Full PDB file with SEQRES, HELIX, SHEET, SSBOND, CRYST1, ORIGX, SCALE, CONECT and MASTER records, all heavy atoms in Angstrom:
SEQRES   1 A   32  GLY VAL THR PRO MET VAL ASP PHE GLU ARG LEU VAL VAL          
SEQRES   2 A   32  MET GLY PHE VAL GLU VAL ALA SER ARG LEU PRO PHE PHE          
SEQRES   3 A   32  LEU SER LEU ARG ARG ARG                                      
HELIX    1 AA1 PHE A    8  LEU A   11  5                                   4    
HELIX    2 AA2 PHE A   16  SER A   21  1                                   6    
HELIX    3 AA3 LEU A   23  ARG A   31  1                                   9    
CRYST1    1.000    1.000    1.000  90.00  90.00  90.00 P 1           1          
ORIGX1      1.000000  0.000000  0.000000        0.00000                         
ORIGX2      0.000000  1.000000  0.000000        0.00000                         
ORIGX3      0.000000  0.000000  1.000000        0.00000                         
SCALE1      1.000000  0.000000  0.000000        0.00000                         
SCALE2      0.000000  1.000000  0.000000        0.00000                         
SCALE3      0.000000  0.000000  1.000000        0.00000                         
ATOM      1  N   GLY A   1     104.599 125.460  81.144  1.00  0.00           N  
ATOM      2  CA  GLY A   1     104.069 125.276  79.799  1.00  0.00           C  
ATOM      3  C   GLY A   1     102.753 124.554  79.697  1.00  0.00           C  
ATOM      4  O   GLY A   1     102.362 124.128  78.597  1.00  0.00           O  
ATOM      5  N   VAL A   2     102.017 124.412  80.811  1.00  0.00           N  
ATOM      6  CA  VAL A   2     100.715 123.753  80.777  1.00  0.00           C  
ATOM      7  C   VAL A   2      99.626 124.822  80.640  1.00  0.00           C  
ATOM      8  O   VAL A   2      99.584 125.780  81.408  1.00  0.00           O  
ATOM      9  CB  VAL A   2     100.470 122.922  82.052  1.00  0.00           C  
ATOM     10  CG1 VAL A   2      99.115 122.215  81.979  1.00  0.00           C  
ATOM     11  CG2 VAL A   2     101.591 121.898  82.242  1.00  0.00           C  
ATOM     12  N   THR A   3      98.742 124.647  79.669  1.00  0.00           N  
ATOM     13  CA  THR A   3      97.637 125.588  79.464  1.00  0.00           C  
ATOM     14  C   THR A   3      96.506 125.270  80.436  1.00  0.00           C  
ATOM     15  O   THR A   3      95.975 124.153  80.418  1.00  0.00           O  
ATOM     16  CB  THR A   3      97.106 125.499  78.021  1.00  0.00           C  
ATOM     17  OG1 THR A   3      98.169 125.781  77.111  1.00  0.00           O  
ATOM     18  CG2 THR A   3      95.971 126.484  77.806  1.00  0.00           C  
ATOM     19  N   PRO A   4      96.125 126.216  81.310  1.00  0.00           N  
ATOM     20  CA  PRO A   4      95.100 125.925  82.316  1.00  0.00           C  
ATOM     21  C   PRO A   4      93.693 126.059  81.752  1.00  0.00           C  
ATOM     22  O   PRO A   4      93.455 126.835  80.826  1.00  0.00           O  
ATOM     23  CB  PRO A   4      95.357 126.993  83.378  1.00  0.00           C  
ATOM     24  CG  PRO A   4      95.876 128.165  82.591  1.00  0.00           C  
ATOM     25  CD  PRO A   4      96.676 127.575  81.452  1.00  0.00           C  
ATOM     26  N   MET A   5      92.744 125.326  82.330  1.00  0.00           N  
ATOM     27  CA  MET A   5      91.364 125.415  81.875  1.00  0.00           C  
ATOM     28  C   MET A   5      90.410 125.884  82.967  1.00  0.00           C  
ATOM     29  O   MET A   5      89.194 125.930  82.751  1.00  0.00           O  
ATOM     30  CB  MET A   5      90.891 124.074  81.319  1.00  0.00           C  
ATOM     31  CG  MET A   5      90.862 122.924  82.305  1.00  0.00           C  
ATOM     32  SD  MET A   5      90.005 121.465  81.627  1.00  0.00           S  
ATOM     33  CE  MET A   5      88.325 122.056  81.489  1.00  0.00           C  
ATOM     34  N   VAL A   6      90.925 126.223  84.164  1.00  0.00           N  
ATOM     35  CA  VAL A   6      90.062 126.643  85.264  1.00  0.00           C  
ATOM     36  C   VAL A   6      90.886 127.451  86.249  1.00  0.00           C  
ATOM     37  O   VAL A   6      92.120 127.354  86.284  1.00  0.00           O  
ATOM     38  CB  VAL A   6      89.441 125.396  85.951  1.00  0.00           C  
ATOM     39  CG1 VAL A   6      90.484 124.623  86.743  1.00  0.00           C  
ATOM     40  CG2 VAL A   6      88.273 125.779  86.850  1.00  0.00           C  
ATOM     41  N   ASP A   7      90.211 128.276  87.045  1.00  0.00           N  
ATOM     42  CA  ASP A   7      90.868 129.027  88.114  1.00  0.00           C  
ATOM     43  C   ASP A   7      91.344 128.041  89.174  1.00  0.00           C  
ATOM     44  O   ASP A   7      90.545 127.430  89.887  1.00  0.00           O  
ATOM     45  CB  ASP A   7      89.883 130.025  88.727  1.00  0.00           C  
ATOM     46  CG  ASP A   7      90.474 130.794  89.896  1.00  0.00           C  
ATOM     47  OD1 ASP A   7      91.693 130.671  90.141  1.00  0.00           O  
ATOM     48  OD2 ASP A   7      89.721 131.536  90.562  1.00  0.00           O  
ATOM     49  N   PHE A   8      92.645 127.882  89.302  1.00  0.00           N  
ATOM     50  CA  PHE A   8      93.219 126.855  90.177  1.00  0.00           C  
ATOM     51  C   PHE A   8      92.830 127.070  91.629  1.00  0.00           C  
ATOM     52  O   PHE A   8      92.640 126.103  92.379  1.00  0.00           O  
ATOM     53  CB  PHE A   8      94.748 126.867  90.026  1.00  0.00           C  
ATOM     54  CG  PHE A   8      95.444 125.733  90.742  1.00  0.00           C  
ATOM     55  CD1 PHE A   8      95.414 124.453  90.224  1.00  0.00           C  
ATOM     56  CD2 PHE A   8      96.137 125.954  91.920  1.00  0.00           C  
ATOM     57  CE1 PHE A   8      96.061 123.410  90.859  1.00  0.00           C  
ATOM     58  CE2 PHE A   8      96.783 124.916  92.567  1.00  0.00           C  
ATOM     59  CZ  PHE A   8      96.745 123.644  92.035  1.00  0.00           C  
ATOM     60  N   GLU A   9      92.714 128.316  92.052  1.00  0.00           N  
ATOM     61  CA  GLU A   9      92.430 128.602  93.457  1.00  0.00           C  
ATOM     62  C   GLU A   9      91.106 127.970  93.896  1.00  0.00           C  
ATOM     63  O   GLU A   9      90.936 127.616  95.057  1.00  0.00           O  
ATOM     64  CB  GLU A   9      92.377 130.113  93.700  1.00  0.00           C  
ATOM     65  CG  GLU A   9      93.664 130.852  93.346  1.00  0.00           C  
ATOM     66  CD  GLU A   9      94.846 130.388  94.172  1.00  0.00           C  
ATOM     67  OE1 GLU A   9      94.627 129.958  95.327  1.00  0.00           O  
ATOM     68  OE2 GLU A   9      95.984 130.443  93.678  1.00  0.00           O  
ATOM     69  N   ARG A  10      90.166 127.816  92.968  1.00  0.00           N  
ATOM     70  CA  ARG A  10      88.866 127.248  93.328  1.00  0.00           C  
ATOM     71  C   ARG A  10      88.928 125.743  93.549  1.00  0.00           C  
ATOM     72  O   ARG A  10      88.003 125.150  94.098  1.00  0.00           O  
ATOM     73  CB  ARG A  10      87.837 127.580  92.248  1.00  0.00           C  
ATOM     74  CG  ARG A  10      87.647 129.069  92.025  1.00  0.00           C  
ATOM     75  CD  ARG A  10      86.532 129.348  91.060  1.00  0.00           C  
ATOM     76  NE  ARG A  10      85.223 129.017  91.629  1.00  0.00           N  
ATOM     77  CZ  ARG A  10      84.085 129.039  90.945  1.00  0.00           C  
ATOM     78  NH1 ARG A  10      84.104 129.364  89.653  1.00  0.00           N  
ATOM     79  NH2 ARG A  10      82.936 128.728  91.520  1.00  0.00           N  
ATOM     80  N   LEU A  11      90.035 125.120  93.132  1.00  0.00           N  
ATOM     81  CA  LEU A  11      90.198 123.681  93.330  1.00  0.00           C  
ATOM     82  C   LEU A  11      90.742 123.346  94.706  1.00  0.00           C  
ATOM     83  O   LEU A  11      90.586 122.223  95.188  1.00  0.00           O  
ATOM     84  CB  LEU A  11      91.165 123.108  92.278  1.00  0.00           C  
ATOM     85  CG  LEU A  11      90.721 123.179  90.824  1.00  0.00           C  
ATOM     86  CD1 LEU A  11      91.905 122.839  89.922  1.00  0.00           C  
ATOM     87  CD2 LEU A  11      89.577 122.225  90.578  1.00  0.00           C  
ATOM     88  N   VAL A  12      91.395 124.309  95.337  1.00  0.00           N  
ATOM     89  CA  VAL A  12      92.131 124.039  96.577  1.00  0.00           C  
ATOM     90  C   VAL A  12      91.155 123.993  97.737  1.00  0.00           C  
ATOM     91  O   VAL A  12      90.802 125.012  98.328  1.00  0.00           O  
ATOM     92  CB  VAL A  12      93.214 125.116  96.806  1.00  0.00           C  
ATOM     93  CG1 VAL A  12      94.020 124.791  98.056  1.00  0.00           C  
ATOM     94  CG2 VAL A  12      94.136 125.196  95.591  1.00  0.00           C  
ATOM     95  N   VAL A  13      90.705 122.790  98.069  1.00  0.00           N  
ATOM     96  CA  VAL A  13      89.720 122.601  99.125  1.00  0.00           C  
ATOM     97  C   VAL A  13      89.989 121.270  99.803  1.00  0.00           C  
ATOM     98  O   VAL A  13      90.498 120.335  99.183  1.00  0.00           O  
ATOM     99  CB  VAL A  13      88.285 122.647  98.545  1.00  0.00           C  
ATOM    100  CG1 VAL A  13      88.065 121.547  97.549  1.00  0.00           C  
ATOM    101  CG2 VAL A  13      87.243 122.615  99.640  1.00  0.00           C  
ATOM    102  N   MET A  14      89.664 121.189 101.112  1.00  0.00           N  
ATOM    103  CA  MET A  14      89.995 119.990 101.880  1.00  0.00           C  
ATOM    104  C   MET A  14      88.863 119.699 102.848  1.00  0.00           C  
ATOM    105  O   MET A  14      88.358 120.595 103.514  1.00  0.00           O  
ATOM    106  CB  MET A  14      91.298 120.213 102.657  1.00  0.00           C  
ATOM    107  CG  MET A  14      91.769 119.029 103.480  1.00  0.00           C  
ATOM    108  SD  MET A  14      92.390 117.713 102.422  1.00  0.00           S  
ATOM    109  CE  MET A  14      92.977 116.550 103.659  1.00  0.00           C  
ATOM    110  N   GLY A  15      88.451 118.415 102.935  1.00  0.00           N  
ATOM    111  CA  GLY A  15      87.440 118.028 103.904  1.00  0.00           C  
ATOM    112  C   GLY A  15      86.096 117.749 103.248  1.00  0.00           C  
ATOM    113  O   GLY A  15      85.710 118.380 102.273  1.00  0.00           O  
ATOM    114  N   PHE A  16      85.365 116.774 103.785  1.00  0.00           N  
ATOM    115  CA  PHE A  16      84.081 116.375 103.213  1.00  0.00           C  
ATOM    116  C   PHE A  16      83.092 117.543 103.196  1.00  0.00           C  
ATOM    117  O   PHE A  16      82.430 117.799 102.197  1.00  0.00           O  
ATOM    118  CB  PHE A  16      83.479 115.218 104.022  1.00  0.00           C  
ATOM    119  CG  PHE A  16      84.325 113.984 104.033  1.00  0.00           C  
ATOM    120  CD1 PHE A  16      85.086 113.662 105.142  1.00  0.00           C  
ATOM    121  CD2 PHE A  16      84.356 113.140 102.930  1.00  0.00           C  
ATOM    122  CE1 PHE A  16      85.858 112.512 105.159  1.00  0.00           C  
ATOM    123  CE2 PHE A  16      85.131 111.994 102.934  1.00  0.00           C  
ATOM    124  CZ  PHE A  16      85.894 111.680 104.061  1.00  0.00           C  
ATOM    125  N   VAL A  17      82.977 118.236 104.314  1.00  0.00           N  
ATOM    126  CA  VAL A  17      82.013 119.325 104.410  1.00  0.00           C  
ATOM    127  C   VAL A  17      82.401 120.466 103.483  1.00  0.00           C  
ATOM    128  O   VAL A  17      81.564 121.053 102.787  1.00  0.00           O  
ATOM    129  CB  VAL A  17      81.904 119.819 105.870  1.00  0.00           C  
ATOM    130  CG1 VAL A  17      81.019 121.060 105.954  1.00  0.00           C  
ATOM    131  CG2 VAL A  17      81.351 118.707 106.762  1.00  0.00           C  
ATOM    132  N   GLU A  18      83.695 120.786 103.443  1.00  0.00           N  
ATOM    133  CA  GLU A  18      84.170 121.879 102.602  1.00  0.00           C  
ATOM    134  C   GLU A  18      83.937 121.586 101.125  1.00  0.00           C  
ATOM    135  O   GLU A  18      83.559 122.474 100.354  1.00  0.00           O  
ATOM    136  CB  GLU A  18      85.653 122.138 102.871  1.00  0.00           C  
ATOM    137  CG  GLU A  18      85.966 122.672 104.267  1.00  0.00           C  
ATOM    138  CD  GLU A  18      86.060 121.596 105.328  1.00  0.00           C  
ATOM    139  OE1 GLU A  18      85.757 120.423 105.045  1.00  0.00           O  
ATOM    140  OE2 GLU A  18      86.415 121.931 106.474  1.00  0.00           O  
ATOM    141  N   VAL A  19      84.171 120.347 100.712  1.00  0.00           N  
ATOM    142  CA  VAL A  19      83.929 119.969  99.322  1.00  0.00           C  
ATOM    143  C   VAL A  19      82.440 120.072  98.999  1.00  0.00           C  
ATOM    144  O   VAL A  19      82.037 120.563  97.939  1.00  0.00           O  
ATOM    145  CB  VAL A  19      84.447 118.543  99.043  1.00  0.00           C  
ATOM    146  CG1 VAL A  19      83.984 118.055  97.683  1.00  0.00           C  
ATOM    147  CG2 VAL A  19      85.970 118.515  99.115  1.00  0.00           C  
ATOM    148  N   ALA A  20      81.597 119.615  99.927  1.00  0.00           N  
ATOM    149  CA  ALA A  20      80.154 119.665  99.700  1.00  0.00           C  
ATOM    150  C   ALA A  20      79.678 121.091  99.477  1.00  0.00           C  
ATOM    151  O   ALA A  20      78.782 121.335  98.654  1.00  0.00           O  
ATOM    152  CB  ALA A  20      79.421 119.034 100.884  1.00  0.00           C  
ATOM    153  N   SER A  21      80.279 122.047 100.177  1.00  0.00           N  
ATOM    154  CA  SER A  21      79.860 123.439 100.029  1.00  0.00           C  
ATOM    155  C   SER A  21      80.219 124.003  98.660  1.00  0.00           C  
ATOM    156  O   SER A  21      79.671 125.013  98.240  1.00  0.00           O  
ATOM    157  CB  SER A  21      80.507 124.295 101.130  1.00  0.00           C  
ATOM    158  OG  SER A  21      81.905 124.406 100.934  1.00  0.00           O  
ATOM    159  N   ARG A  22      81.147 123.337  97.955  1.00  0.00           N  
ATOM    160  CA  ARG A  22      81.566 123.797  96.631  1.00  0.00           C  
ATOM    161  C   ARG A  22      81.054 122.873  95.532  1.00  0.00           C  
ATOM    162  O   ARG A  22      81.578 122.877  94.416  1.00  0.00           O  
ATOM    163  CB  ARG A  22      83.105 123.855  96.581  1.00  0.00           C  
ATOM    164  CG  ARG A  22      83.744 124.710  97.659  1.00  0.00           C  
ATOM    165  CD  ARG A  22      83.879 126.145  97.226  1.00  0.00           C  
ATOM    166  NE  ARG A  22      84.909 126.262  96.214  1.00  0.00           N  
ATOM    167  CZ  ARG A  22      86.224 126.277  96.483  1.00  0.00           C  
ATOM    168  NH1 ARG A  22      86.654 126.192  97.715  1.00  0.00           N  
ATOM    169  NH2 ARG A  22      87.086 126.406  95.507  1.00  0.00           N  
ATOM    170  N   LEU A  23      80.050 122.074  95.851  1.00  0.00           N  
ATOM    171  CA  LEU A  23      79.573 121.062  94.921  1.00  0.00           C  
ATOM    172  C   LEU A  23      79.159 121.625  93.568  1.00  0.00           C  
ATOM    173  O   LEU A  23      79.501 121.036  92.523  1.00  0.00           O  
ATOM    174  CB  LEU A  23      78.417 120.278  95.553  1.00  0.00           C  
ATOM    175  CG  LEU A  23      77.975 119.003  94.821  1.00  0.00           C  
ATOM    176  CD1 LEU A  23      79.140 118.039  94.654  1.00  0.00           C  
ATOM    177  CD2 LEU A  23      76.834 118.336  95.587  1.00  0.00           C  
ATOM    178  N   PRO A  24      78.434 122.744  93.498  1.00  0.00           N  
ATOM    179  CA  PRO A  24      78.072 123.272  92.178  1.00  0.00           C  
ATOM    180  C   PRO A  24      79.273 123.539  91.285  1.00  0.00           C  
ATOM    181  O   PRO A  24      79.235 123.259  90.074  1.00  0.00           O  
ATOM    182  CB  PRO A  24      77.326 124.570  92.516  1.00  0.00           C  
ATOM    183  CG  PRO A  24      76.775 124.337  93.879  1.00  0.00           C  
ATOM    184  CD  PRO A  24      77.826 123.520  94.584  1.00  0.00           C  
ATOM    185  N   PHE A  25      80.355 124.062  91.876  1.00  0.00           N  
ATOM    186  CA  PHE A  25      81.555 124.312  91.076  1.00  0.00           C  
ATOM    187  C   PHE A  25      82.122 123.009  90.522  1.00  0.00           C  
ATOM    188  O   PHE A  25      82.472 122.926  89.341  1.00  0.00           O  
ATOM    189  CB  PHE A  25      82.615 125.024  91.917  1.00  0.00           C  
ATOM    190  CG  PHE A  25      83.989 124.993  91.311  1.00  0.00           C  
ATOM    191  CD1 PHE A  25      84.302 125.787  90.219  1.00  0.00           C  
ATOM    192  CD2 PHE A  25      84.964 124.133  91.805  1.00  0.00           C  
ATOM    193  CE1 PHE A  25      85.557 125.747  89.642  1.00  0.00           C  
ATOM    194  CE2 PHE A  25      86.228 124.082  91.227  1.00  0.00           C  
ATOM    195  CZ  PHE A  25      86.524 124.893  90.148  1.00  0.00           C  
ATOM    196  N   PHE A  26      82.215 121.976  91.368  1.00  0.00           N  
ATOM    197  CA  PHE A  26      82.821 120.729  90.907  1.00  0.00           C  
ATOM    198  C   PHE A  26      81.931 120.011  89.885  1.00  0.00           C  
ATOM    199  O   PHE A  26      82.442 119.361  88.967  1.00  0.00           O  
ATOM    200  CB  PHE A  26      83.133 119.825  92.104  1.00  0.00           C  
ATOM    201  CG  PHE A  26      84.352 120.251  92.869  1.00  0.00           C  
ATOM    202  CD1 PHE A  26      84.239 120.921  94.071  1.00  0.00           C  
ATOM    203  CD2 PHE A  26      85.613 120.017  92.371  1.00  0.00           C  
ATOM    204  CE1 PHE A  26      85.356 121.334  94.767  1.00  0.00           C  
ATOM    205  CE2 PHE A  26      86.751 120.421  93.049  1.00  0.00           C  
ATOM    206  CZ  PHE A  26      86.620 121.088  94.256  1.00  0.00           C  
ATOM    207  N   LEU A  27      80.630 120.126  90.024  1.00  0.00           N  
ATOM    208  CA  LEU A  27      79.743 119.555  89.004  1.00  0.00           C  
ATOM    209  C   LEU A  27      79.910 120.285  87.677  1.00  0.00           C  
ATOM    210  O   LEU A  27      79.939 119.654  86.610  1.00  0.00           O  
ATOM    211  CB  LEU A  27      78.287 119.637  89.478  1.00  0.00           C  
ATOM    212  CG  LEU A  27      77.927 118.726  90.653  1.00  0.00           C  
ATOM    213  CD1 LEU A  27      76.492 118.986  91.098  1.00  0.00           C  
ATOM    214  CD2 LEU A  27      78.122 117.259  90.297  1.00  0.00           C  
ATOM    215  N   SER A  28      80.052 121.609  87.741  1.00  0.00           N  
ATOM    216  CA  SER A  28      80.298 122.382  86.514  1.00  0.00           C  
ATOM    217  C   SER A  28      81.640 121.993  85.900  1.00  0.00           C  
ATOM    218  O   SER A  28      81.762 121.876  84.666  1.00  0.00           O  
ATOM    219  CB  SER A  28      80.265 123.877  86.841  1.00  0.00           C  
ATOM    220  OG  SER A  28      80.678 124.642  85.724  1.00  0.00           O  
ATOM    221  N   LEU A  29      82.653 121.766  86.755  1.00  0.00           N  
ATOM    222  CA  LEU A  29      83.967 121.376  86.252  1.00  0.00           C  
ATOM    223  C   LEU A  29      83.895 120.026  85.545  1.00  0.00           C  
ATOM    224  O   LEU A  29      84.508 119.830  84.489  1.00  0.00           O  
ATOM    225  CB  LEU A  29      84.966 121.336  87.405  1.00  0.00           C  
ATOM    226  CG  LEU A  29      86.394 120.920  87.048  1.00  0.00           C  
ATOM    227  CD1 LEU A  29      87.003 121.893  86.051  1.00  0.00           C  
ATOM    228  CD2 LEU A  29      87.255 120.839  88.316  1.00  0.00           C  
ATOM    229  N   ARG A  30      83.144 119.101  86.111  1.00  0.00           N  
ATOM    230  CA  ARG A  30      82.994 117.808  85.448  1.00  0.00           C  
ATOM    231  C   ARG A  30      82.381 117.967  84.051  1.00  0.00           C  
ATOM    232  O   ARG A  30      82.819 117.308  83.101  1.00  0.00           O  
ATOM    233  CB  ARG A  30      82.116 116.887  86.302  1.00  0.00           C  
ATOM    234  CG  ARG A  30      82.812 116.310  87.525  1.00  0.00           C  
ATOM    235  CD  ARG A  30      81.949 115.221  88.141  1.00  0.00           C  
ATOM    236  NE  ARG A  30      82.591 114.622  89.300  1.00  0.00           N  
ATOM    237  CZ  ARG A  30      82.162 113.512  89.899  1.00  0.00           C  
ATOM    238  NH1 ARG A  30      81.084 112.902  89.433  1.00  0.00           N  
ATOM    239  NH2 ARG A  30      82.786 113.037  90.940  1.00  0.00           N  
ATOM    240  N   ARG A  31      81.383 118.816  83.961  1.00  0.00           N  
ATOM    241  CA  ARG A  31      80.758 119.015  82.649  1.00  0.00           C  
ATOM    242  C   ARG A  31      81.760 119.593  81.660  1.00  0.00           C  
ATOM    243  O   ARG A  31      81.803 119.181  80.485  1.00  0.00           O  
ATOM    244  CB  ARG A  31      79.551 119.951  82.792  1.00  0.00           C  
ATOM    245  CG  ARG A  31      78.359 119.308  83.497  1.00  0.00           C  
ATOM    246  CD  ARG A  31      77.108 120.147  83.341  1.00  0.00           C  
ATOM    247  NE  ARG A  31      77.216 121.415  84.041  1.00  0.00           N  
ATOM    248  CZ  ARG A  31      76.844 121.600  85.317  1.00  0.00           C  
ATOM    249  NH1 ARG A  31      76.355 120.592  86.020  1.00  0.00           N  
ATOM    250  NH2 ARG A  31      76.948 122.797  85.870  1.00  0.00           N  
ATOM    251  N   ARG A  32      82.588 120.531  82.092  1.00  0.00           N  
ATOM    252  CA  ARG A  32      83.587 121.125  81.200  1.00  0.00           C  
ATOM    253  C   ARG A  32      84.600 120.086  80.750  1.00  0.00           C  
ATOM    254  O   ARG A  32      84.999 120.049  79.574  1.00  0.00           O  
ATOM    255  CB  ARG A  32      84.301 122.278  81.908  1.00  0.00           C  
ATOM    256  CG  ARG A  32      83.431 123.498  82.132  1.00  0.00           C  
ATOM    257  CD  ARG A  32      84.211 124.608  82.777  1.00  0.00           C  
ATOM    258  NE  ARG A  32      85.309 125.064  81.924  1.00  0.00           N  
ATOM    259  CZ  ARG A  32      86.202 125.978  82.301  1.00  0.00           C  
ATOM    260  NH1 ARG A  32      86.126 126.532  83.511  1.00  0.00           N  
ATOM    261  NH2 ARG A  32      87.166 126.347  81.475  1.00  0.00           N  
TER     262      ARG A  32                                                      
MASTER        0    0    0    3    0    0    0    6  261    1    0    3          
END                                                                             
């Protein structure tokens, strides 16, 4: 019963380097 606000699969990431490669997505998520 939770209404989602983003594609969950794009959140599933692990590791400093891996997160850095997805930085634009996470910055956009923060703005949302």
